Amino acid sequence: ALVAVGCSNDDDGDSAGGGGDGSITLWTVYDTADRIATMQPVLE
């Protein structure tokens, strides 16, 4: 269910929100495509 969003201009928080259903949201300032890709296996 992991979604990587490139958001240099995304400040509306639409993908955010508390968990409670077995899922949570993490916002990161390491937002470039390569850094998101590096983070994916860590979270998996």
PDB file of all heavy atoms in Angstrom:
ATOM      1  N   ALA A   1       0.806  -1.223   0.000  1.00  0.00           N
ATOM      2  CA  ALA A   1       0.000   0.000   0.000  1.00  0.00           C
ATOM      3  C   ALA A   1       0.833   1.264   0.000  1.00  0.00           C
ATOM      4  O   ALA A   1       0.299   2.359  -0.051  1.00  0.00           O
ATOM      5  CB  ALA A   1      -0.909   0.016   1.222  1.00  0.00           C
ATOM      6  N   LEU A   2       2.169   1.145   0.038  1.00  0.00           N
ATOM      7  CA  LEU A   2       3.040   2.322   0.095  1.00  0.00           C
ATOM      8  C   LEU A   2       2.864   3.183  -1.138  1.00  0.00           C
ATOM      9  O   LEU A   2       2.860   2.712  -2.250  1.00  0.00           O
ATOM     10  CB  LEU A   2       4.496   1.870   0.193  1.00  0.00           C
ATOM     11  CG  LEU A   2       5.544   2.973   0.131  1.00  0.00           C
ATOM     12  CD1 LEU A   2       5.508   3.766   1.422  1.00  0.00           C
ATOM     13  CD2 LEU A   2       6.910   2.378  -0.075  1.00  0.00           C
ATOM     14  N   VAL A   3       2.707   4.486  -0.929  1.00  0.00           N
ATOM     15  CA  VAL A   3       2.589   5.427  -2.032  1.00  0.00           C
ATOM     16  C   VAL A   3       3.698   6.445  -1.904  1.00  0.00           C
ATOM     17  O   VAL A   3       3.830   7.086  -0.881  1.00  0.00           O
ATOM     18  CB  VAL A   3       1.224   6.155  -2.013  1.00  0.00           C
ATOM     19  CG1 VAL A   3       1.134   7.173  -3.132  1.00  0.00           C
ATOM     20  CG2 VAL A   3       0.095   5.142  -2.133  1.00  0.00           C
ATOM     21  N   ALA A   4       4.510   6.615  -2.948  1.00  0.00           N
ATOM     22  CA  ALA A   4       5.565   7.621  -2.940  1.00  0.00           C
ATOM     23  C   ALA A   4       5.090   8.802  -3.759  1.00  0.00           C
ATOM     24  O   ALA A   4       4.844   8.674  -4.949  1.00  0.00           O
ATOM     25  CB  ALA A   4       6.840   7.055  -3.530  1.00  0.00           C
ATOM     26  N   VAL A   5       4.954   9.934  -3.125  1.00  0.00           N
ATOM     27  CA  VAL A   5       4.425  11.109  -3.806  1.00  0.00           C
ATOM     28  C   VAL A   5       5.509  12.143  -3.962  1.00  0.00           C
ATOM     29  O   VAL A   5       6.079  12.602  -2.990  1.00  0.00           O
ATOM     30  CB  VAL A   5       3.251  11.720  -2.994  1.00  0.00           C
ATOM     31  CG1 VAL A   5       2.679  12.919  -3.715  1.00  0.00           C
ATOM     32  CG2 VAL A   5       2.179  10.667  -2.748  1.00  0.00           C
ATOM     33  N   GLY A   6       5.844  12.559  -5.214  1.00  0.00           N
ATOM     34  CA  GLY A   6       6.794  13.635  -5.390  1.00  0.00           C
ATOM     35  C   GLY A   6       6.085  14.926  -5.155  1.00  0.00           C
ATOM     36  O   GLY A   6       5.245  15.311  -5.921  1.00  0.00           O
ATOM     37  N   CYS A   7       6.364  15.603  -4.077  1.00  0.00           N
ATOM     38  CA  CYS A   7       5.585  16.744  -3.654  1.00  0.00           C
ATOM     39  C   CYS A   7       6.323  18.028  -3.440  1.00  0.00           C
ATOM     40  O   CYS A   7       6.036  18.687  -2.492  1.00  0.00           O
ATOM     41  CB  CYS A   7       4.914  16.529  -2.374  1.00  0.00           C
ATOM     42  SG  CYS A   7       4.404  15.208  -1.682  1.00  0.00           S
ATOM     43  N   SER A   8       7.200  18.400  -4.328  1.00  0.00           N
ATOM     44  CA  SER A   8       7.809  19.690  -4.092  1.00  0.00           C
ATOM     45  C   SER A   8       6.771  20.800  -4.055  1.00  0.00           C
ATOM     46  O   SER A   8       6.961  21.792  -3.430  1.00  0.00           O
ATOM     47  CB  SER A   8       8.783  20.071  -5.140  1.00  0.00           C
ATOM     48  OG  SER A   8       9.173  19.115  -5.953  1.00  0.00           O
ATOM     49  N   ASN A   9       5.665  20.621  -4.766  1.00  0.00           N
ATOM     50  CA  ASN A   9       4.642  21.642  -4.750  1.00  0.00           C
ATOM     51  C   ASN A   9       3.362  21.129  -4.111  1.00  0.00           C
ATOM     52  O   ASN A   9       2.333  21.746  -4.193  1.00  0.00           O
ATOM     53  CB  ASN A   9       4.324  22.106  -6.182  1.00  0.00           C
ATOM     54  CG  ASN A   9       5.509  22.762  -6.817  1.00  0.00           C
ATOM     55  OD1 ASN A   9       6.114  23.627  -6.216  1.00  0.00           O
ATOM     56  ND2 ASN A   9       5.860  22.349  -8.021  1.00  0.00           N
ATOM     57  N   ASP A  10       3.400  19.935  -3.500  1.00  0.00           N
ATOM     58  CA  ASP A  10       2.204  19.355  -2.900  1.00  0.00           C
ATOM     59  C   ASP A  10       2.150  19.720  -1.439  1.00  0.00           C
ATOM     60  O   ASP A  10       2.786  19.133  -0.615  1.00  0.00           O
ATOM     61  CB  ASP A  10       2.264  17.831  -3.058  1.00  0.00           C
ATOM     62  CG  ASP A  10       1.089  17.143  -2.412  1.00  0.00           C
ATOM     63  OD1 ASP A  10       0.166  17.848  -2.015  1.00  0.00           O
ATOM     64  OD2 ASP A  10       1.113  15.915  -2.305  1.00  0.00           O
ATOM     65  N   ASP A  11       1.353  20.755  -1.129  1.00  0.00           N
ATOM     66  CA  ASP A  11       1.268  21.155   0.266  1.00  0.00           C
ATOM     67  C   ASP A  11      -0.157  21.106   0.777  1.00  0.00           C
ATOM     68  O   ASP A  11      -0.496  21.749   1.739  1.00  0.00           O
ATOM     69  CB  ASP A  11       1.857  22.555   0.475  1.00  0.00           C
ATOM     70  CG  ASP A  11       1.158  23.621  -0.333  1.00  0.00           C
ATOM     71  OD1 ASP A  11       0.173  23.312  -1.014  1.00  0.00           O
ATOM     72  OD2 ASP A  11       1.592  24.760  -0.265  1.00  0.00           O
ATOM     73  N   ASP A  12      -1.017  20.295   0.104  1.00  0.00           N
ATOM     74  CA  ASP A  12      -2.399  20.278   0.556  1.00  0.00           C
ATOM     75  C   ASP A  12      -2.670  19.172   1.555  1.00  0.00           C
ATOM     76  O   ASP A  12      -3.735  19.107   2.136  1.00  0.00           O
ATOM     77  CB  ASP A  12      -3.352  20.161  -0.637  1.00  0.00           C
ATOM     78  CG  ASP A  12      -3.100  18.922  -1.472  1.00  0.00           C
ATOM     79  OD1 ASP A  12      -2.331  18.040  -1.038  1.00  0.00           O
ATOM     80  OD2 ASP A  12      -3.684  18.837  -2.553  1.00  0.00           O
ATOM     81  N   GLY A  13      -1.696  18.263   1.747  1.00  0.00           N
ATOM     82  CA  GLY A  13      -1.842  17.233   2.758  1.00  0.00           C
ATOM     83  C   GLY A  13      -2.907  16.198   2.442  1.00  0.00           C
ATOM     84  O   GLY A  13      -3.344  15.471   3.320  1.00  0.00           O
ATOM     85  N   ASP A  14      -3.328  16.079   1.158  1.00  0.00           N
ATOM     86  CA  ASP A  14      -4.403  15.165   0.829  1.00  0.00           C
ATOM     87  C   ASP A  14      -4.074  13.713   1.145  1.00  0.00           C
ATOM     88  O   ASP A  14      -4.959  12.925   1.413  1.00  0.00           O
ATOM     89  CB  ASP A  14      -4.755  15.269  -0.662  1.00  0.00           C
ATOM     90  CG  ASP A  14      -5.514  16.540  -0.978  1.00  0.00           C
ATOM     91  OD1 ASP A  14      -6.011  17.168  -0.030  1.00  0.00           O
ATOM     92  OD2 ASP A  14      -5.611  16.895  -2.136  1.00  0.00           O
ATOM     93  N   SER A  15      -2.787  13.353   1.090  1.00  0.00           N
ATOM     94  CA  SER A  15      -2.421  11.966   1.320  1.00  0.00           C
ATOM     95  C   SER A  15      -2.133  11.681   2.781  1.00  0.00           C
ATOM     96  O   SER A  15      -1.765  10.588   3.140  1.00  0.00           O
ATOM     97  CB  SER A  15      -1.185  11.613   0.487  1.00  0.00           C
ATOM     98  OG  SER A  15      -1.479  11.729  -0.869  1.00  0.00           O
ATOM     99  N   ALA A  16      -2.261  12.702   3.624  1.00  0.00           N
ATOM    100  CA  ALA A  16      -1.917  12.521   5.032  1.00  0.00           C
ATOM    101  C   ALA A  16      -3.098  11.971   5.798  1.00  0.00           C
ATOM    102  O   ALA A  16      -4.155  11.720   5.276  1.00  0.00           O
ATOM    103  CB  ALA A  16      -1.455  13.844   5.618  1.00  0.00           C
ATOM    104  N   GLY A  17      -2.879  11.849   7.111  1.00  0.00           N
ATOM    105  CA  GLY A  17      -3.977  11.442   7.973  1.00  0.00           C
ATOM    106  C   GLY A  17      -3.555  10.364   8.925  1.00  0.00           C
ATOM    107  O   GLY A  17      -2.727   9.537   8.612  1.00  0.00           O
ATOM    108  N   GLY A  18      -4.130  10.376  10.124  1.00  0.00           N
ATOM    109  CA  GLY A  18      -3.799   9.388  11.120  1.00  0.00           C
ATOM    110  C   GLY A  18      -4.203   7.995  10.697  1.00  0.00           C
ATOM    111  O   GLY A  18      -5.047   7.801   9.831  1.00  0.00           O
ATOM    112  N   GLY A  19      -3.594   7.016  11.341  1.00  0.00           N
ATOM    113  CA  GLY A  19      -3.859   5.629  11.003  1.00  0.00           C
ATOM    114  C   GLY A  19      -5.078   5.127  11.737  1.00  0.00           C
ATOM    115  O   GLY A  19      -6.129   5.731  11.728  1.00  0.00           O
ATOM    116  N   GLY A  20      -4.933   3.984  12.435  1.00  0.00           N
ATOM    117  CA  GLY A  20      -6.067   3.417  13.133  1.00  0.00           C
ATOM    118  C   GLY A  20      -6.622   2.217  12.401  1.00  0.00           C
ATOM    119  O   GLY A  20      -7.426   1.478  12.930  1.00  0.00           O
ATOM    120  N   ASP A  21      -6.224   2.008  11.128  1.00  0.00           N
ATOM    121  CA  ASP A  21      -6.717   0.886  10.353  1.00  0.00           C
ATOM    122  C   ASP A  21      -5.558  -0.006   9.923  1.00  0.00           C
ATOM    123  O   ASP A  21      -5.629  -0.696   8.920  1.00  0.00           O
ATOM    124  CB  ASP A  21      -7.479   1.389   9.124  1.00  0.00           C
ATOM    125  CG  ASP A  21      -6.643   2.299   8.246  1.00  0.00           C
ATOM    126  OD1 ASP A  21      -5.492   2.594   8.633  1.00  0.00           O
ATOM    127  OD2 ASP A  21      -7.127   2.692   7.168  1.00  0.00           O
ATOM    128  N   GLY A  22      -4.475   0.005  10.726  1.00  0.00           N
ATOM    129  CA  GLY A  22      -3.314  -0.800  10.355  1.00  0.00           C
ATOM    130  C   GLY A  22      -2.396  -0.107   9.387  1.00  0.00           C
ATOM    131  O   GLY A  22      -1.476  -0.730   8.865  1.00  0.00           O
ATOM    132  N   SER A  23      -2.616   1.168   9.139  1.00  0.00           N
ATOM    133  CA  SER A  23      -1.737   1.920   8.251  1.00  0.00           C
ATOM    134  C   SER A  23      -1.501   3.308   8.820  1.00  0.00           C
ATOM    135  O   SER A  23      -2.352   3.862   9.517  1.00  0.00           O
ATOM    136  CB  SER A  23      -2.344   2.036   6.848  1.00  0.00           C
ATOM    137  OG  SER A  23      -3.520   2.817   6.883  1.00  0.00           O
ATOM    138  N   ILE A  24      -0.329   3.834   8.558  1.00  0.00           N
ATOM    139  CA  ILE A  24       0.030   5.182   8.990  1.00  0.00           C
ATOM    140  C   ILE A  24       0.711   5.920   7.851  1.00  0.00           C
ATOM    141  O   ILE A  24       1.103   5.312   6.847  1.00  0.00           O
ATOM    142  CB  ILE A  24       0.949   5.171  10.232  1.00  0.00           C
ATOM    143  CG1 ILE A  24       2.240   4.391   9.946  1.00  0.00           C
ATOM    144  CG2 ILE A  24       0.223   4.612  11.436  1.00  0.00           C
ATOM    145  CD1 ILE A  24       3.246   4.435  11.092  1.00  0.00           C
ATOM    146  N   THR A  25       0.859   7.232   8.011  1.00  0.00           N
ATOM    147  CA  THR A  25       1.458   8.079   6.990  1.00  0.00           C
ATOM    148  C   THR A  25       2.728   8.717   7.520  1.00  0.00           C
ATOM    149  O   THR A  25       2.760   9.223   8.640  1.00  0.00           O
ATOM    150  CB  THR A  25       0.480   9.190   6.551  1.00  0.00           C
ATOM    151  OG1 THR A  25      -0.720   8.574   6.087  1.00  0.00           O
ATOM    152  CG2 THR A  25       1.066  10.037   5.438  1.00  0.00           C
ATOM    153  N   LEU A  26       3.766   8.684   6.701  1.00  0.00           N
ATOM    154  CA  LEU A  26       5.053   9.291   7.028  1.00  0.00           C
ATOM    155  C   LEU A  26       5.367  10.353   5.996  1.00  0.00           C
ATOM    156  O   LEU A  26       5.419  10.072   4.795  1.00  0.00           O
ATOM    157  CB  LEU A  26       6.151   8.221   7.026  1.00  0.00           C
ATOM    158  CG  LEU A  26       7.605   8.699   7.105  1.00  0.00           C
ATOM    159  CD1 LEU A  26       7.887   9.388   8.443  1.00  0.00           C
ATOM    160  CD2 LEU A  26       8.571   7.533   6.888  1.00  0.00           C
ATOM    161  N   TRP A  27       5.572  11.577   6.452  1.00  0.00           N
ATOM    162  CA  TRP A  27       6.032  12.646   5.570  1.00  0.00           C
ATOM    163  C   TRP A  27       7.549  12.787   5.727  1.00  0.00           C
ATOM    164  O   TRP A  27       8.070  12.778   6.853  1.00  0.00           O
ATOM    165  CB  TRP A  27       5.386  13.977   5.946  1.00  0.00           C
ATOM    166  CG  TRP A  27       3.997  14.165   5.431  1.00  0.00           C
ATOM    167  CD1 TRP A  27       3.160  13.215   4.916  1.00  0.00           C
ATOM    168  CD2 TRP A  27       3.278  15.405   5.397  1.00  0.00           C
ATOM    169  NE1 TRP A  27       1.969  13.773   4.568  1.00  0.00           N
ATOM    170  CE2 TRP A  27       2.010  15.119   4.835  1.00  0.00           C
ATOM    171  CE3 TRP A  27       3.571  16.708   5.774  1.00  0.00           C
ATOM    172  CZ2 TRP A  27       1.033  16.111   4.648  1.00  0.00           C
ATOM    173  CZ3 TRP A  27       2.613  17.698   5.586  1.00  0.00           C
ATOM    174  CH2 TRP A  27       1.360  17.402   5.031  1.00  0.00           C
ATOM    175  N   THR A  28       8.248  12.947   4.615  1.00  0.00           N
ATOM    176  CA  THR A  28       9.701  13.089   4.674  1.00  0.00           C
ATOM    177  C   THR A  28      10.179  14.229   3.788  1.00  0.00           C
ATOM    178  O   THR A  28       9.648  14.441   2.692  1.00  0.00           O
ATOM    179  CB  THR A  28      10.408  11.787   4.241  1.00  0.00           C
ATOM    180  OG1 THR A  28      11.826  11.986   4.259  1.00  0.00           O
ATOM    181  CG2 THR A  28       9.971  11.345   2.848  1.00  0.00           C
ATOM    182  N   VAL A  29      11.194  14.935   4.268  1.00  0.00           N
ATOM    183  CA  VAL A  29      11.800  15.998   3.462  1.00  0.00           C
ATOM    184  C   VAL A  29      12.800  15.430   2.456  1.00  0.00           C
ATOM    185  O   VAL A  29      13.281  16.164   1.592  1.00  0.00           O
ATOM    186  CB  VAL A  29      12.503  17.052   4.346  1.00  0.00           C
ATOM    187  CG1 VAL A  29      11.482  17.860   5.127  1.00  0.00           C
ATOM    188  CG2 VAL A  29      13.525  16.399   5.279  1.00  0.00           C
ATOM    189  N   TYR A  30      13.106  14.147   2.552  1.00  0.00           N
ATOM    190  CA  TYR A  30      13.978  13.502   1.552  1.00  0.00           C
ATOM    191  C   TYR A  30      13.088  13.061   0.407  1.00  0.00           C
ATOM    192  O   TYR A  30      12.713  11.897   0.282  1.00  0.00           O
ATOM    193  CB  TYR A  30      14.743  12.347   2.193  1.00  0.00           C
ATOM    194  CG  TYR A  30      15.646  12.806   3.307  1.00  0.00           C
ATOM    195  CD1 TYR A  30      15.324  12.563   4.647  1.00  0.00           C
ATOM    196  CD2 TYR A  30      16.809  13.530   3.026  1.00  0.00           C
ATOM    197  CE1 TYR A  30      16.145  13.033   5.667  1.00  0.00           C
ATOM    198  CE2 TYR A  30      17.628  13.996   4.050  1.00  0.00           C
ATOM    199  CZ  TYR A  30      17.283  13.739   5.361  1.00  0.00           C
ATOM    200  OH  TYR A  30      18.093  14.204   6.376  1.00  0.00           O
ATOM    201  N   ASP A  31      12.735  14.033  -0.450  1.00  0.00           N
ATOM    202  CA  ASP A  31      11.603  13.857  -1.354  1.00  0.00           C
ATOM    203  C   ASP A  31      11.959  13.572  -2.804  1.00  0.00           C
ATOM    204  O   ASP A  31      11.067  13.410  -3.630  1.00  0.00           O
ATOM    205  CB  ASP A  31      10.714  15.106  -1.295  1.00  0.00           C
ATOM    206  CG  ASP A  31      11.399  16.354  -1.846  1.00  0.00           C
ATOM    207  OD1 ASP A  31      12.625  16.484  -1.661  1.00  0.00           O
ATOM    208  OD2 ASP A  31      10.710  17.196  -2.461  1.00  0.00           O
ATOM    209  N   THR A  32      13.250  13.521  -3.154  1.00  0.00           N
ATOM    210  CA  THR A  32      13.593  13.235  -4.541  1.00  0.00           C
ATOM    211  C   THR A  32      13.332  11.762  -4.853  1.00  0.00           C
ATOM    212  O   THR A  32      13.264  10.921  -3.951  1.00  0.00           O
ATOM    213  CB  THR A  32      15.070  13.566  -4.821  1.00  0.00           C
ATOM    214  OG1 THR A  32      15.895  12.780  -3.951  1.00  0.00           O
ATOM    215  CG2 THR A  32      15.351  15.047  -4.582  1.00  0.00           C
ATOM    216  N   ALA A  33      13.220  11.449  -6.141  1.00  0.00           N
ATOM    217  CA  ALA A  33      12.838  10.097  -6.548  1.00  0.00           C
ATOM    218  C   ALA A  33      13.816   9.046  -6.042  1.00  0.00           C
ATOM    219  O   ALA A  33      13.408   7.969  -5.577  1.00  0.00           O
ATOM    220  CB  ALA A  33      12.730  10.033  -8.077  1.00  0.00           C
ATOM    221  N   ASP A  34      15.118   9.342  -6.109  1.00  0.00           N
ATOM    222  CA  ASP A  34      16.095   8.346  -5.669  1.00  0.00           C
ATOM    223  C   ASP A  34      16.023   8.133  -4.158  1.00  0.00           C
ATOM    224  O   ASP A  34      16.204   7.003  -3.667  1.00  0.00           O
ATOM    225  CB  ASP A  34      17.509   8.751  -6.095  1.00  0.00           C
ATOM    226  CG  ASP A  34      17.941  10.082  -5.507  1.00  0.00           C
ATOM    227  OD1 ASP A  34      17.109  11.004  -5.431  1.00  0.00           O
ATOM    228  OD2 ASP A  34      19.131  10.211  -5.137  1.00  0.00           O
ATOM    229  N   ARG A  35      15.752   9.193  -3.398  1.00  0.00           N
ATOM    230  CA  ARG A  35      15.683   9.059  -1.945  1.00  0.00           C
ATOM    231  C   ARG A  35      14.405   8.333  -1.521  1.00  0.00           C
ATOM    232  O   ARG A  35      14.424   7.538  -0.571  1.00  0.00           O
ATOM    233  CB  ARG A  35      15.786  10.435  -1.290  1.00  0.00           C
ATOM    234  CG  ARG A  35      17.175  11.042  -1.460  1.00  0.00           C
ATOM    235  CD  ARG A  35      17.251  12.482  -1.016  1.00  0.00           C
ATOM    236  NE  ARG A  35      18.630  12.980  -1.115  1.00  0.00           N
ATOM    237  CZ  ARG A  35      18.985  14.230  -0.885  1.00  0.00           C
ATOM    238  NH1 ARG A  35      18.076  15.121  -0.535  1.00  0.00           N
ATOM    239  NH2 ARG A  35      20.249  14.594  -0.996  1.00  0.00           N
ATOM    240  N   ILE A  36      13.298   8.600  -2.220  1.00  0.00           N
ATOM    241  CA  ILE A  36      12.072   7.861  -1.962  1.00  0.00           C
ATOM    242  C   ILE A  36      12.298   6.370  -2.245  1.00  0.00           C
ATOM    243  O   ILE A  36      11.892   5.496  -1.470  1.00  0.00           O
ATOM    244  CB  ILE A  36      10.918   8.404  -2.833  1.00  0.00           C
ATOM    245  CG1 ILE A  36      10.506   9.820  -2.369  1.00  0.00           C
ATOM    246  CG2 ILE A  36       9.727   7.454  -2.812  1.00  0.00           C
ATOM    247  CD1 ILE A  36       9.777   9.866  -1.043  1.00  0.00           C
ATOM    248  N   ALA A  37      12.988   6.094  -3.358  1.00  0.00           N
ATOM    249  CA  ALA A  37      13.248   4.704  -3.727  1.00  0.00           C
ATOM    250  C   ALA A  37      14.123   4.002  -2.697  1.00  0.00           C
ATOM    251  O   ALA A  37      13.945   2.810  -2.417  1.00  0.00           O
ATOM    252  CB  ALA A  37      13.905   4.643  -5.103  1.00  0.00           C
ATOM    253  N   THR A  38      15.081   4.712  -2.117  1.00  0.00           N
ATOM    254  CA  THR A  38      15.944   4.137  -1.089  1.00  0.00           C
ATOM    255  C   THR A  38      15.159   3.839   0.178  1.00  0.00           C
ATOM    256  O   THR A  38      15.431   2.860   0.883  1.00  0.00           O
ATOM    257  CB  THR A  38      17.106   5.097  -0.767  1.00  0.00           C
ATOM    258  OG1 THR A  38      17.855   5.330  -1.963  1.00  0.00           O
ATOM    259  CG2 THR A  38      18.034   4.526   0.292  1.00  0.00           C
ATOM    260  N   MET A  39      14.164   4.669   0.470  1.00  0.00           N
ATOM    261  CA  MET A  39      13.384   4.494   1.695  1.00  0.00           C
ATOM    262  C   MET A  39      12.374   3.350   1.582  1.00  0.00           C
ATOM    263  O   MET A  39      11.983   2.748   2.596  1.00  0.00           O
ATOM    264  CB  MET A  39      12.663   5.804   2.020  1.00  0.00           C
ATOM    265  CG  MET A  39      12.003   5.865   3.381  1.00  0.00           C
ATOM    266  SD  MET A  39      13.210   5.798   4.731  1.00  0.00           S
ATOM    267  CE  MET A  39      12.128   5.887   6.156  1.00  0.00           C
ATOM    268  N   GLN A  40      11.934   3.003   0.371  1.00  0.00           N
ATOM    269  CA  GLN A  40      10.880   2.008   0.192  1.00  0.00           C
ATOM    270  C   GLN A  40      11.212   0.639   0.815  1.00  0.00           C
ATOM    271  O   GLN A  40      10.402   0.110   1.586  1.00  0.00           O
ATOM    272  CB  GLN A  40      10.562   1.853  -1.302  1.00  0.00           C
ATOM    273  CG  GLN A  40       9.745   3.018  -1.825  1.00  0.00           C
ATOM    274  CD  GLN A  40       9.509   2.929  -3.317  1.00  0.00           C
ATOM    275  OE1 GLN A  40      10.138   2.120  -4.005  1.00  0.00           O
ATOM    276  NE2 GLN A  40       8.627   3.764  -3.813  1.00  0.00           N
ATOM    277  N   PRO A  41      12.378   0.051   0.529  1.00  0.00           N
ATOM    278  CA  PRO A  41      12.656  -1.257   1.139  1.00  0.00           C
ATOM    279  C   PRO A  41      12.784  -1.209   2.661  1.00  0.00           C
ATOM    280  O   PRO A  41      12.502  -2.197   3.341  1.00  0.00           O
ATOM    281  CB  PRO A  41      13.970  -1.689   0.482  1.00  0.00           C
ATOM    282  CG  PRO A  41      14.558  -0.458  -0.092  1.00  0.00           C
ATOM    283  CD  PRO A  41      13.411   0.436  -0.447  1.00  0.00           C
ATOM    284  N   VAL A  42      13.220  -0.059   3.189  1.00  0.00           N
ATOM    285  CA  VAL A  42      13.302   0.094   4.648  1.00  0.00           C
ATOM    286  C   VAL A  42      11.911  -0.042   5.255  1.00  0.00           C
ATOM    287  O   VAL A  42      11.699  -0.758   6.247  1.00  0.00           O
ATOM    288  CB  VAL A  42      13.927   1.455   5.014  1.00  0.00           C
ATOM    289  CG1 VAL A  42      13.945   1.652   6.523  1.00  0.00           C
ATOM    290  CG2 VAL A  42      15.329   1.575   4.437  1.00  0.00           C
ATOM    291  N   LEU A  43      10.937   0.625   4.657  1.00  0.00           N
ATOM    292  CA  LEU A  43       9.579   0.587   5.167  1.00  0.00           C
ATOM    293  C   LEU A  43       8.890  -0.747   4.865  1.00  0.00           C
ATOM    294  O   LEU A  43       8.038  -1.208   5.638  1.00  0.00           O
ATOM    295  CB  LEU A  43       8.769   1.744   4.583  1.00  0.00           C
ATOM    296  CG  LEU A  43       9.246   3.140   5.005  1.00  0.00           C
ATOM    297  CD1 LEU A  43       8.390   4.219   4.372  1.00  0.00           C
ATOM    298  CD2 LEU A  43       9.265   3.290   6.519  1.00  0.00           C
ATOM    299  N   GLU A  44       9.249  -1.381   3.761  1.00  0.00           N
ATOM    300  CA  GLU A  44       8.696  -2.703   3.453  1.00  0.00           C
ATOM    301  C   GLU A  44       9.090  -3.717   4.534  1.00  0.00           C
ATOM    302  O   GLU A  44       8.273  -4.541   4.961  1.00  0.00           O
ATOM    303  CB  GLU A  44       9.170  -3.155   2.078  1.00  0.00           C
ATOM    304  CG  GLU A  44       8.496  -2.396   0.938  1.00  0.00           C
ATOM    305  CD  GLU A  44       9.159  -2.659  -0.396  1.00  0.00           C
ATOM    306  OE1 GLU A  44      10.179  -3.387  -0.437  1.00  0.00           O
ATOM    307  OE2 GLU A  44       8.664  -2.123  -1.404  1.00  0.00           O
TER     308      GLU A  44
END
